[in-house]
């Protein structure tokens, strides 16, 4: 749990007011190895005296005036400490603190869509003029957050929307919400815009949702995978053929590398090979499996489980990009920021959630393993770093996969590559622990491949 520190008097008072009468507020004092803990049943603010009174659920409770008291409130897990000024039979009086710690508040930012994307939401409208019948409208979404939606409609719907007594959101794209969310009109206006050389006259409105949308659902809507919440294993679930083909490819690669896994041979075969970037993902996957298993062999890690885990990671770590293989060319977050404006909302979200999709795939796949999860999670920790030092938390397989990914990209993205030049730059990127052992293995492979 992450905390922010607030010194804003308004924010502090708001936290007190929103926590009042909650059953999750507590006060405690520490005595050597013990704590006296009391439930707070009510909170009263005295603005004039700048004090706060905590009503506790115990008559004549022993609260020591000479000891610091600690308070934890329900709203945003507010925490602060201070001196007790006064004690009555069931009240503890303290000064309003100058500073509190609040659980980090992560507000989902508003996400904007291009008009050409034609993202939709379905509303049901009720009006006294419709004799208890609901009118359903599918409007175009221009922006969305967990708390509100910006919509546009034809002018033909203007009066219907303005005269509705109640409005509800019941679908986002193709996903029907399990429970409709009531909304109220926040603002509206006639709107003109040009599209493909034509002037469009539209009705623009903003609605506020009475209940926040789930962030995962919203992320999936942005990524155009609204059906994800209807299937427990996510966006790959309906495509059984894809999953079967991945497993088939993994099996063939395992059989091949179990019989013949030589890093020097892999390097030799790729010295003059030219790669087509249009087929980057396919080439990347296969070469990554060969290189990672080859390095593992050089380090003496040549058992079946090691090979299977490394092959699995090679084939599945970019599973999110199977919908658009070109996304696999994005190397890290810095690269993503450079090309972000050229990506659709769906592709941007696929990049951002790539690790989550891999995790979902592993959890749902009978061939998945916790080792594979660990390897790829470690890889995502390091991919934005220009210098990578071996951490105690990195497993040997994680280090092998990191280096293999780095080397494979070096090979594929260069028409003429030099193993010698790669190793010259290696130590500027990787250092310590298993990385030093891998360097020695690569040097050995270079010498025997020439």
Protein backbone atom coordinates (compact mmCIF):
# COMPACT_ATOMS: atom_id res chain seq x y z
CA UNK A 1 0.00 0.00 0.00
CA UNK A 2 1.44 3.38 -1.02
CA UNK A 3 0.84 6.61 0.88
CA UNK A 4 0.81 10.30 0.11
CA UNK A 5 1.53 12.93 2.77
CA UNK A 6 -1.01 15.73 2.97
CA UNK A 7 -0.68 19.07 4.74
CA UNK A 8 -3.82 20.48 3.12
CA UNK A 9 -6.28 21.43 5.94
CA UNK A 10 -9.29 20.92 3.64
CA UNK A 11 -8.14 17.45 2.62
CA UNK A 12 -7.52 16.52 6.26
CA UNK A 13 -10.99 17.67 7.37
CA UNK A 14 -12.54 15.87 4.39
CA UNK A 15 -10.89 12.66 5.49
CA UNK A 16 -12.31 13.09 9.02
CA UNK A 17 -15.81 13.80 7.73
CA UNK A 18 -15.83 10.90 5.28
CA UNK A 19 -14.58 8.53 7.97
CA UNK A 20 -17.16 9.57 10.56
CA UNK A 21 -19.37 6.72 11.85
CA UNK A 22 -17.36 4.09 10.00
CA UNK A 23 -16.65 0.87 11.89
CA UNK A 24 -13.07 0.80 10.59
CA UNK A 25 -11.65 3.75 12.59
CA UNK A 26 -9.26 2.95 15.45
CA UNK A 27 -7.13 4.72 18.07
CA UNK A 28 -4.20 3.05 19.79
CA UNK A 29 -1.29 3.68 22.16
CA UNK A 30 1.84 1.57 22.51
CA UNK A 31 3.19 0.27 25.83
CA UNK A 32 6.51 -1.51 25.37
CA UNK A 33 5.48 -4.63 23.45
CA UNK A 34 1.74 -4.15 23.85
CA UNK A 35 -0.91 -1.89 22.35
CA UNK A 36 -4.19 -0.59 23.71
CA UNK A 37 -6.57 -0.41 20.76
CA UNK A 38 -9.98 1.29 20.78
CA UNK A 39 -12.66 1.43 18.10
CA UNK A 40 -13.81 4.92 17.17
CA UNK A 41 -17.58 5.13 16.64
CA UNK A 42 -17.87 8.84 15.80
CA UNK A 43 -15.77 11.89 14.97
CA UNK A 44 -16.58 15.54 15.72
CA UNK A 45 -14.62 18.53 14.48
CA UNK A 46 -14.37 21.72 16.52
CA UNK A 47 -13.18 24.28 13.96
CA UNK A 48 -13.06 27.07 16.51
CA UNK A 49 -10.67 25.26 18.82
CA UNK A 50 -8.96 23.31 16.01
CA UNK A 51 -9.61 20.07 17.82
CA UNK A 52 -11.13 16.73 16.91
CA UNK A 53 -13.12 14.53 19.32
CA UNK A 54 -13.08 10.77 18.89
CA UNK A 55 -15.96 8.90 20.56
CA UNK A 56 -14.70 5.43 21.49
CA UNK A 57 -16.61 2.26 22.24
CA UNK A 58 -15.53 1.85 25.82
CA UNK A 59 -16.59 3.56 29.05
CA UNK A 60 -13.73 5.09 31.06
CA UNK A 61 -11.11 3.64 28.71
CA UNK A 62 -7.53 4.00 29.82
CA UNK A 63 -5.95 6.47 27.44
CA UNK A 64 -2.69 7.92 28.73
CA UNK A 65 -2.40 11.72 28.46
CA UNK A 66 1.38 11.42 28.53
CA UNK A 67 1.68 9.05 25.58
CA UNK A 68 1.38 9.63 21.85
CA UNK A 69 -1.87 8.40 20.34
CA UNK A 70 -2.10 6.94 16.84
CA UNK A 71 -5.19 7.18 14.66
CA UNK A 72 -6.19 5.18 11.57
CA UNK A 73 -9.34 6.27 9.72
CA UNK A 74 -11.38 4.46 7.09
CA UNK A 75 -11.22 7.08 4.33
CA UNK A 76 -8.10 6.41 2.27
CA UNK A 77 -6.59 4.63 5.30
CA UNK A 78 -5.68 8.00 6.83
CA UNK A 79 -2.98 7.71 9.51
CA UNK A 80 -1.58 10.32 11.91
CA UNK A 81 -0.26 10.64 15.43
CA UNK A 82 -0.52 13.34 18.10
CA UNK A 83 -0.88 14.25 21.77
CA UNK A 84 -4.09 13.66 23.73
CA UNK A 85 -5.36 17.00 25.06
CA UNK A 86 -8.32 15.81 27.08
CA UNK A 87 -10.22 12.66 28.04
CA UNK A 88 -13.87 12.40 29.08
CA UNK A 89 -15.83 9.24 29.85
CA UNK A 90 -16.08 8.21 26.18
CA UNK A 91 -14.23 10.86 24.23
CA UNK A 92 -10.62 11.49 23.37
CA UNK A 93 -9.77 15.06 22.31
CA UNK A 94 -6.76 15.79 20.10
CA UNK A 95 -5.56 18.70 18.01
CA UNK A 96 -6.42 18.59 14.31
CA UNK A 97 -3.12 17.38 12.82
CA UNK A 98 -1.01 19.52 10.54
CA UNK A 99 -0.04 16.46 8.52
CA UNK A 100 -1.57 13.06 7.73
CA UNK A 101 -0.65 10.09 5.57
CA UNK A 102 -3.27 9.08 3.01
CA UNK A 103 -3.39 6.00 0.84
CA UNK A 104 -2.28 6.98 -2.63
CA UNK A 105 -5.32 8.05 -4.66
CA UNK A 106 -5.07 6.70 -8.18
CA UNK A 107 -7.65 8.43 -10.31
CA UNK A 108 -8.14 6.95 -13.75
CA UNK A 109 -7.34 9.72 -16.19
CA UNK A 110 -9.74 10.65 -18.98
CA UNK A 111 -9.03 8.73 -22.17
CA UNK A 112 -9.78 10.37 -25.52
CA UNK A 113 -10.76 8.60 -28.75
CA UNK A 114 -10.39 9.75 -32.33
CA UNK A 115 -13.70 10.42 -34.08
CA UNK A 116 -12.80 7.87 -36.76
CA UNK A 117 -12.59 5.07 -34.18
CA UNK A 118 -16.40 5.22 -33.77
CA UNK A 119 -16.33 3.92 -30.19
CA UNK A 120 -19.85 3.48 -28.83
CA UNK A 121 -21.86 3.28 -25.64
CA UNK A 122 -25.50 2.31 -25.32
CA UNK A 123 -27.82 4.39 -23.14
CA UNK A 124 -31.36 3.75 -22.04
CA UNK A 125 -33.51 6.86 -21.58
CA UNK A 126 -36.71 7.19 -19.62
CA UNK A 127 -39.19 10.03 -19.91
CA UNK A 128 -42.65 10.90 -18.67
CA UNK A 129 -43.57 11.31 -22.33
CA UNK A 130 -42.70 7.70 -23.14
CA UNK A 131 -45.34 6.06 -20.92
CA UNK A 132 -42.85 4.06 -18.79
CA UNK A 133 -41.07 2.69 -21.86
CA UNK A 134 -37.31 2.97 -22.30
CA UNK A 135 -35.66 4.35 -25.42
CA UNK A 136 -32.26 2.86 -26.29
CA UNK A 137 -29.65 4.97 -28.04
CA UNK A 138 -26.18 4.01 -29.23
CA UNK A 139 -24.02 7.13 -29.09
CA UNK A 140 -20.42 7.72 -30.06
CA UNK A 141 -17.89 7.99 -27.23
CA UNK A 142 -15.30 10.77 -27.50
CA UNK A 143 -13.72 10.41 -24.06
CA UNK A 144 -14.21 8.30 -20.97
CA UNK A 145 -13.06 7.96 -17.36
CA UNK A 146 -14.23 5.88 -14.43
CA UNK A 147 -16.60 8.70 -13.45
CA UNK A 148 -17.91 10.17 -16.68
CA UNK A 149 -18.28 9.93 -20.45
CA UNK A 150 -18.15 12.50 -23.25
CA UNK A 151 -20.59 11.61 -26.03
CA UNK A 152 -21.77 12.94 -29.37
CA UNK A 153 -25.02 12.29 -31.16
CA UNK A 154 -26.96 13.47 -34.16
CA UNK A 155 -29.13 16.53 -33.55
CA UNK A 156 -32.18 14.29 -34.03
CA UNK A 157 -31.65 12.87 -30.53
CA UNK A 158 -31.15 16.23 -28.81
CA UNK A 159 -34.72 16.74 -27.53
CA UNK A 160 -35.05 13.10 -26.52
CA UNK A 161 -31.90 13.33 -24.38
CA UNK A 162 -32.73 16.71 -22.86
CA UNK A 163 -36.28 15.65 -21.99
CA UNK A 164 -35.35 12.32 -20.41
CA UNK A 165 -36.08 12.00 -16.70
CA UNK A 166 -33.48 9.27 -16.16
CA UNK A 167 -30.50 8.02 -18.14
CA UNK A 168 -28.59 4.76 -17.71
CA UNK A 169 -25.44 3.32 -19.23
CA UNK A 170 -26.08 -0.32 -20.14
CA UNK A 171 -23.33 -1.23 -22.63
CA UNK A 172 -19.82 -0.24 -23.64
CA UNK A 173 -19.10 -1.33 -27.18
CA UNK A 174 -20.26 -4.92 -27.47
CA UNK A 175 -20.11 -5.56 -23.71
CA UNK A 176 -23.45 -5.37 -21.89
CA UNK A 177 -22.91 -4.21 -18.31
CA UNK A 178 -24.25 -6.72 -15.78
CA UNK A 179 -25.86 -3.82 -13.87
CA UNK A 180 -26.91 -0.55 -15.52
CA UNK A 181 -25.18 2.57 -14.21
CA UNK A 182 -27.33 5.63 -13.64
CA UNK A 183 -26.00 8.88 -15.02
CA UNK A 184 -26.86 12.54 -15.03
CA UNK A 185 -26.31 15.17 -17.68
CA UNK A 186 -23.39 17.41 -16.70
CA UNK A 187 -23.30 19.65 -19.79
CA UNK A 188 -24.50 19.76 -23.39
CA UNK A 189 -24.15 21.93 -26.49
CA UNK A 190 -24.59 21.91 -30.24
CA UNK A 191 -21.33 20.99 -31.90
CA UNK A 192 -19.88 21.43 -35.37
CA UNK A 193 -16.87 19.63 -36.79
CA UNK A 194 -15.35 18.88 -40.18
CA UNK A 195 -14.72 15.31 -41.24
CA UNK A 196 -13.43 14.26 -44.66
CA UNK A 197 -14.14 17.74 -45.98
CA UNK A 198 -17.74 17.78 -44.76
CA UNK A 199 -19.22 19.84 -41.96
CA UNK A 200 -21.11 17.76 -39.40
CA UNK A 201 -23.74 19.22 -37.07
CA UNK A 202 -23.88 17.20 -33.88
CA UNK A 203 -25.09 17.28 -30.30
CA UNK A 204 -22.34 17.02 -27.71
CA UNK A 205 -22.97 16.01 -24.09
CA UNK A 206 -21.09 15.04 -20.98
CA UNK A 207 -22.56 12.66 -18.42
CA UNK A 208 -21.53 11.94 -14.86
CA UNK A 209 -21.82 8.36 -13.59
CA UNK A 210 -23.38 7.74 -10.19
CA UNK A 211 -21.20 4.67 -9.74
CA UNK A 212 -17.57 4.39 -10.84
CA UNK A 213 -16.74 2.01 -13.64
CA UNK A 214 -14.32 -0.78 -12.87
CA UNK A 215 -10.81 0.17 -14.09
CA UNK A 216 -10.09 -3.27 -15.59
CA UNK A 217 -13.35 -3.14 -17.52
CA UNK A 218 -12.53 0.35 -18.75
CA UNK A 219 -9.03 -0.68 -19.82
CA UNK A 220 -10.50 -3.56 -21.77
CA UNK A 221 -13.04 -1.29 -23.44
CA UNK A 222 -10.24 1.06 -24.49
CA UNK A 223 -8.34 -1.93 -25.88
CA UNK A 224 -11.46 -3.19 -27.73
CA UNK A 225 -11.59 -6.46 -25.80
CA UNK A 226 -14.88 -5.87 -24.01
CA UNK A 227 -15.67 -9.59 -23.93
CA UNK A 228 -12.72 -10.29 -21.65
CA UNK A 229 -14.89 -10.06 -18.53
CA UNK A 230 -17.25 -12.66 -19.94
CA UNK A 231 -14.51 -15.29 -20.10
CA UNK A 232 -12.27 -16.26 -17.24
CA UNK A 233 -9.10 -16.68 -19.28
CA UNK A 234 -9.22 -13.44 -21.17
CA UNK A 235 -8.93 -12.33 -24.74
CA UNK A 236 -7.27 -15.51 -25.99
CA UNK A 237 -9.95 -17.84 -24.66
CA UNK A 238 -12.15 -17.96 -27.77
CA UNK A 239 -9.17 -18.69 -30.04
CA UNK A 240 -8.50 -22.32 -29.16
CA UNK A 241 -6.79 -22.88 -32.51
CA UNK A 242 -4.20 -20.22 -31.71
CA UNK A 243 -3.42 -21.75 -28.32
CA UNK A 244 -3.18 -25.23 -29.85
CA UNK A 245 -0.81 -23.98 -32.56
CA UNK A 246 1.43 -22.27 -29.97
CA UNK A 247 1.65 -25.50 -27.98
CA UNK A 248 2.41 -27.43 -31.17
CA UNK A 249 5.23 -25.01 -32.07
CA UNK A 250 6.65 -25.22 -28.55
CA UNK A 251 6.62 -29.01 -28.71
CA UNK A 252 8.45 -29.08 -32.04
CA UNK A 253 11.07 -26.60 -30.80
CA UNK A 254 11.60 -28.65 -27.62
CA UNK A 255 12.13 -31.85 -29.59
CA UNK A 256 14.61 -30.08 -31.86
CA UNK A 257 16.64 -28.40 -29.11
CA UNK A 258 16.63 -31.45 -26.86
CA UNK A 259 18.47 -33.34 -29.61
CA UNK A 260 20.77 -30.56 -30.79
CA UNK A 261 21.31 -27.39 -28.75
CA UNK A 262 24.57 -25.67 -29.64
CA UNK A 263 25.00 -21.93 -29.10
CA UNK A 264 28.02 -21.73 -31.43
CA UNK A 265 26.00 -23.31 -34.22
CA UNK A 266 23.12 -20.85 -33.68
CA UNK A 267 25.54 -17.92 -33.86
CA UNK A 268 27.24 -19.32 -36.95
CA UNK A 269 23.91 -19.83 -38.75
CA UNK A 270 22.90 -16.22 -38.05
CA UNK A 271 26.13 -14.45 -38.99
CA UNK A 272 24.97 -13.56 -42.47
CA UNK A 273 21.26 -14.19 -42.28
CA UNK A 274 19.01 -11.28 -43.23
CA UNK A 275 15.69 -10.81 -41.39
CA UNK A 276 12.46 -9.33 -42.68
CA UNK A 277 11.05 -6.86 -40.13
CA UNK A 278 7.56 -7.59 -41.42
CA UNK A 279 8.04 -11.06 -39.92
CA UNK A 280 9.89 -9.77 -36.85
CA UNK A 281 7.70 -11.44 -34.21
CA UNK A 282 7.92 -14.93 -35.73
CA UNK A 283 11.68 -14.68 -36.28
CA UNK A 284 12.20 -13.15 -32.85
CA UNK A 285 10.32 -15.95 -31.07
CA UNK A 286 12.18 -18.82 -32.75
CA UNK A 287 15.64 -17.29 -32.46
CA UNK A 288 14.97 -16.33 -28.82
CA UNK A 289 14.14 -19.95 -27.98
CA UNK A 290 17.34 -21.19 -29.65
CA UNK A 291 19.64 -18.56 -28.11
CA UNK A 292 18.23 -18.80 -24.56
CA UNK A 293 18.42 -22.62 -24.56
CA UNK A 294 21.93 -22.41 -26.07
CA UNK A 295 23.16 -20.09 -23.31
CA UNK A 296 21.55 -22.33 -20.68
CA UNK A 297 23.42 -25.28 -22.15
CA UNK A 298 26.73 -23.39 -21.99
CA UNK A 299 26.06 -22.75 -18.28
CA UNK A 300 25.30 -26.42 -17.63
CA UNK A 301 21.56 -25.86 -17.22
CA UNK A 302 20.38 -28.45 -19.69
CA UNK A 303 17.47 -30.32 -18.10
CA UNK A 304 14.01 -30.75 -19.65
CA UNK A 305 12.27 -28.30 -17.30
CA UNK A 306 14.77 -25.54 -18.07
CA UNK A 307 14.36 -25.99 -21.83
CA UNK A 308 10.57 -26.07 -21.59
CA UNK A 309 10.40 -22.93 -19.43
CA UNK A 310 12.73 -20.94 -21.70
CA UNK A 311 10.90 -22.08 -24.84
CA UNK A 312 7.56 -21.24 -23.22
CA UNK A 313 8.75 -17.72 -22.34
CA UNK A 314 10.10 -17.19 -25.86
CA UNK A 315 6.79 -18.14 -27.48
CA UNK A 316 4.37 -16.58 -24.99
CA UNK A 317 6.01 -13.44 -23.57
CA UNK A 318 4.66 -11.34 -26.48
CA UNK A 319 1.26 -13.06 -26.57
CA UNK A 320 -0.53 -9.68 -26.44
CA UNK A 321 1.06 -8.69 -29.75
CA UNK A 322 -0.29 -11.62 -31.73
CA UNK A 323 -3.20 -9.31 -32.65
CA UNK A 324 -0.72 -6.85 -34.17
CA UNK A 325 2.81 -8.34 -34.50
CA UNK A 326 4.42 -4.98 -35.33
CA UNK A 327 3.93 -3.93 -31.69
CA UNK A 328 6.65 -6.39 -30.71
CA UNK A 329 9.14 -4.02 -32.35
CA UNK A 330 8.57 -1.52 -29.52
CA UNK A 331 11.54 -2.14 -27.26
CA UNK A 332 10.70 -0.20 -24.10
CA UNK A 333 8.66 2.66 -22.67
CA UNK A 334 10.96 5.34 -24.11
CA UNK A 335 10.48 3.86 -27.58
CA UNK A 336 6.73 3.63 -26.95
CA UNK A 337 6.50 7.35 -26.14
CA UNK A 338 8.20 8.18 -29.45
CA UNK A 339 5.67 6.21 -31.50
CA UNK A 340 2.60 6.56 -29.29
CA UNK A 341 0.92 9.18 -31.48
CA UNK A 342 1.06 6.80 -34.43
CA UNK A 343 -0.73 4.00 -32.54
CA UNK A 344 -4.45 3.41 -32.16
CA UNK A 345 -5.97 3.40 -28.69
CA UNK A 346 -6.24 -0.37 -28.90
CA UNK A 347 -2.58 -0.87 -29.82
CA UNK A 348 -1.40 1.53 -27.11
CA UNK A 349 -3.37 -0.41 -24.52
CA UNK A 350 -2.06 -3.75 -25.81
CA UNK A 351 1.48 -2.48 -25.27
CA UNK A 352 0.71 -1.16 -21.79
CA UNK A 353 -1.00 -4.37 -20.68
CA UNK A 354 1.33 -6.86 -22.40
CA UNK A 355 2.62 -8.29 -19.11
CA UNK A 356 -0.92 -8.64 -17.73
CA UNK A 357 -1.99 -10.58 -20.80
CA UNK A 358 1.00 -12.91 -20.45
CA UNK A 359 0.15 -13.45 -16.78
CA UNK A 360 -3.47 -14.24 -17.65
CA UNK A 361 -2.33 -16.66 -20.34
CA UNK A 362 0.02 -18.50 -18.00
CA UNK A 363 -2.59 -18.76 -15.26
CA UNK A 364 -5.12 -20.23 -17.67
CA UNK A 365 -2.72 -22.47 -19.60
CA UNK A 366 -2.04 -26.00 -18.36
CA UNK A 367 1.50 -25.74 -19.77
CA UNK A 368 2.21 -22.53 -17.84
CA UNK A 369 4.47 -22.44 -14.79
CA UNK A 370 5.43 -20.14 -11.95
CA UNK A 371 9.03 -20.21 -13.23
CA UNK A 372 7.89 -18.83 -16.57
CA UNK A 373 5.98 -16.09 -14.76
CA UNK A 374 9.08 -15.20 -12.74
CA UNK A 375 11.31 -15.08 -15.83
CA UNK A 376 9.06 -12.72 -17.79
CA UNK A 377 8.21 -10.53 -14.79
CA UNK A 378 11.94 -10.03 -14.18
CA UNK A 379 12.39 -9.24 -17.88
CA UNK A 380 9.77 -6.48 -17.65
CA UNK A 381 11.54 -5.03 -14.61
CA UNK A 382 14.74 -4.58 -16.58
CA UNK A 383 13.57 -3.70 -20.08
CA UNK A 384 13.55 0.07 -19.44
CA UNK A 385 17.06 0.13 -17.97
CA UNK A 386 20.15 0.96 -19.99
CA UNK A 387 22.38 -0.65 -17.36
CA UNK A 388 21.30 -3.92 -15.75
CA UNK A 389 22.99 -5.22 -12.62
CA UNK A 390 22.32 -8.74 -11.39
CA UNK A 391 19.99 -8.53 -8.40
CA UNK A 392 19.72 -11.25 -5.74
CA UNK A 393 16.08 -11.61 -6.73
CA UNK A 394 16.89 -12.49 -10.38
CA UNK A 395 17.03 -16.20 -11.09
CA UNK A 396 19.65 -17.61 -13.46
CA UNK A 397 16.93 -18.27 -16.04
CA UNK A 398 15.70 -14.68 -15.74
CA UNK A 399 19.21 -13.41 -16.50
CA UNK A 400 19.55 -15.81 -19.44
CA UNK A 401 16.25 -14.62 -20.90
CA UNK A 402 17.16 -10.93 -20.48
CA UNK A 403 20.49 -11.36 -22.28
CA UNK A 404 18.98 -13.59 -24.98
CA UNK A 405 16.28 -11.04 -25.75
CA UNK A 406 18.91 -8.32 -25.98
CA UNK A 407 21.18 -10.39 -28.24
CA UNK A 408 18.35 -11.55 -30.50
CA UNK A 409 17.26 -7.97 -31.15
CA UNK A 410 20.88 -7.04 -31.83
CA UNK A 411 21.06 -9.79 -34.47
CA UNK A 412 17.66 -9.25 -36.11
CA UNK A 413 17.74 -5.45 -36.27
CA UNK A 414 21.18 -5.24 -37.91
CA UNK A 415 21.84 -6.23 -41.49
CA UNK A 416 25.50 -6.85 -40.74
CA UNK A 417 26.19 -7.67 -37.11
CA UNK A 418 29.39 -8.55 -35.35
CA UNK A 419 29.52 -10.90 -32.36
CA UNK A 420 32.81 -9.26 -31.35
CA UNK A 421 31.23 -5.79 -31.35
CA UNK A 422 28.23 -7.08 -29.41
CA UNK A 423 30.48 -8.44 -26.67
CA UNK A 424 32.40 -5.17 -26.60
CA UNK A 425 29.19 -3.41 -25.62
CA UNK A 426 27.81 -6.24 -23.44
CA UNK A 427 29.63 -5.24 -20.25
CA UNK A 428 28.32 -1.69 -20.53
CA UNK A 429 24.79 -3.11 -20.24
CA UNK A 430 24.99 -6.26 -18.07
CA UNK A 431 27.14 -6.81 -15.01
CA UNK A 432 27.48 -8.95 -11.92
CA UNK A 433 26.43 -12.45 -10.86
CA UNK A 434 24.97 -14.65 -13.60
CA UNK A 435 25.51 -11.91 -16.18
CA UNK A 436 29.29 -12.33 -15.82
CA UNK A 437 28.96 -16.11 -16.29
CA UNK A 438 26.84 -15.53 -19.41
CA UNK A 439 29.50 -13.18 -20.78
CA UNK A 440 32.11 -15.93 -20.48
CA UNK A 441 29.73 -18.38 -22.20
CA UNK A 442 29.15 -15.94 -25.05
CA UNK A 443 32.90 -15.38 -25.46
CA UNK A 444 33.40 -19.12 -25.71
CA UNK A 445 30.61 -19.41 -28.29
CA UNK A 446 32.13 -16.58 -30.32
CA UNK A 447 35.54 -18.22 -30.49
CA UNK A 448 34.15 -21.61 -31.52
CA UNK A 449 31.78 -20.11 -34.09
CA UNK A 450 34.51 -18.35 -36.10
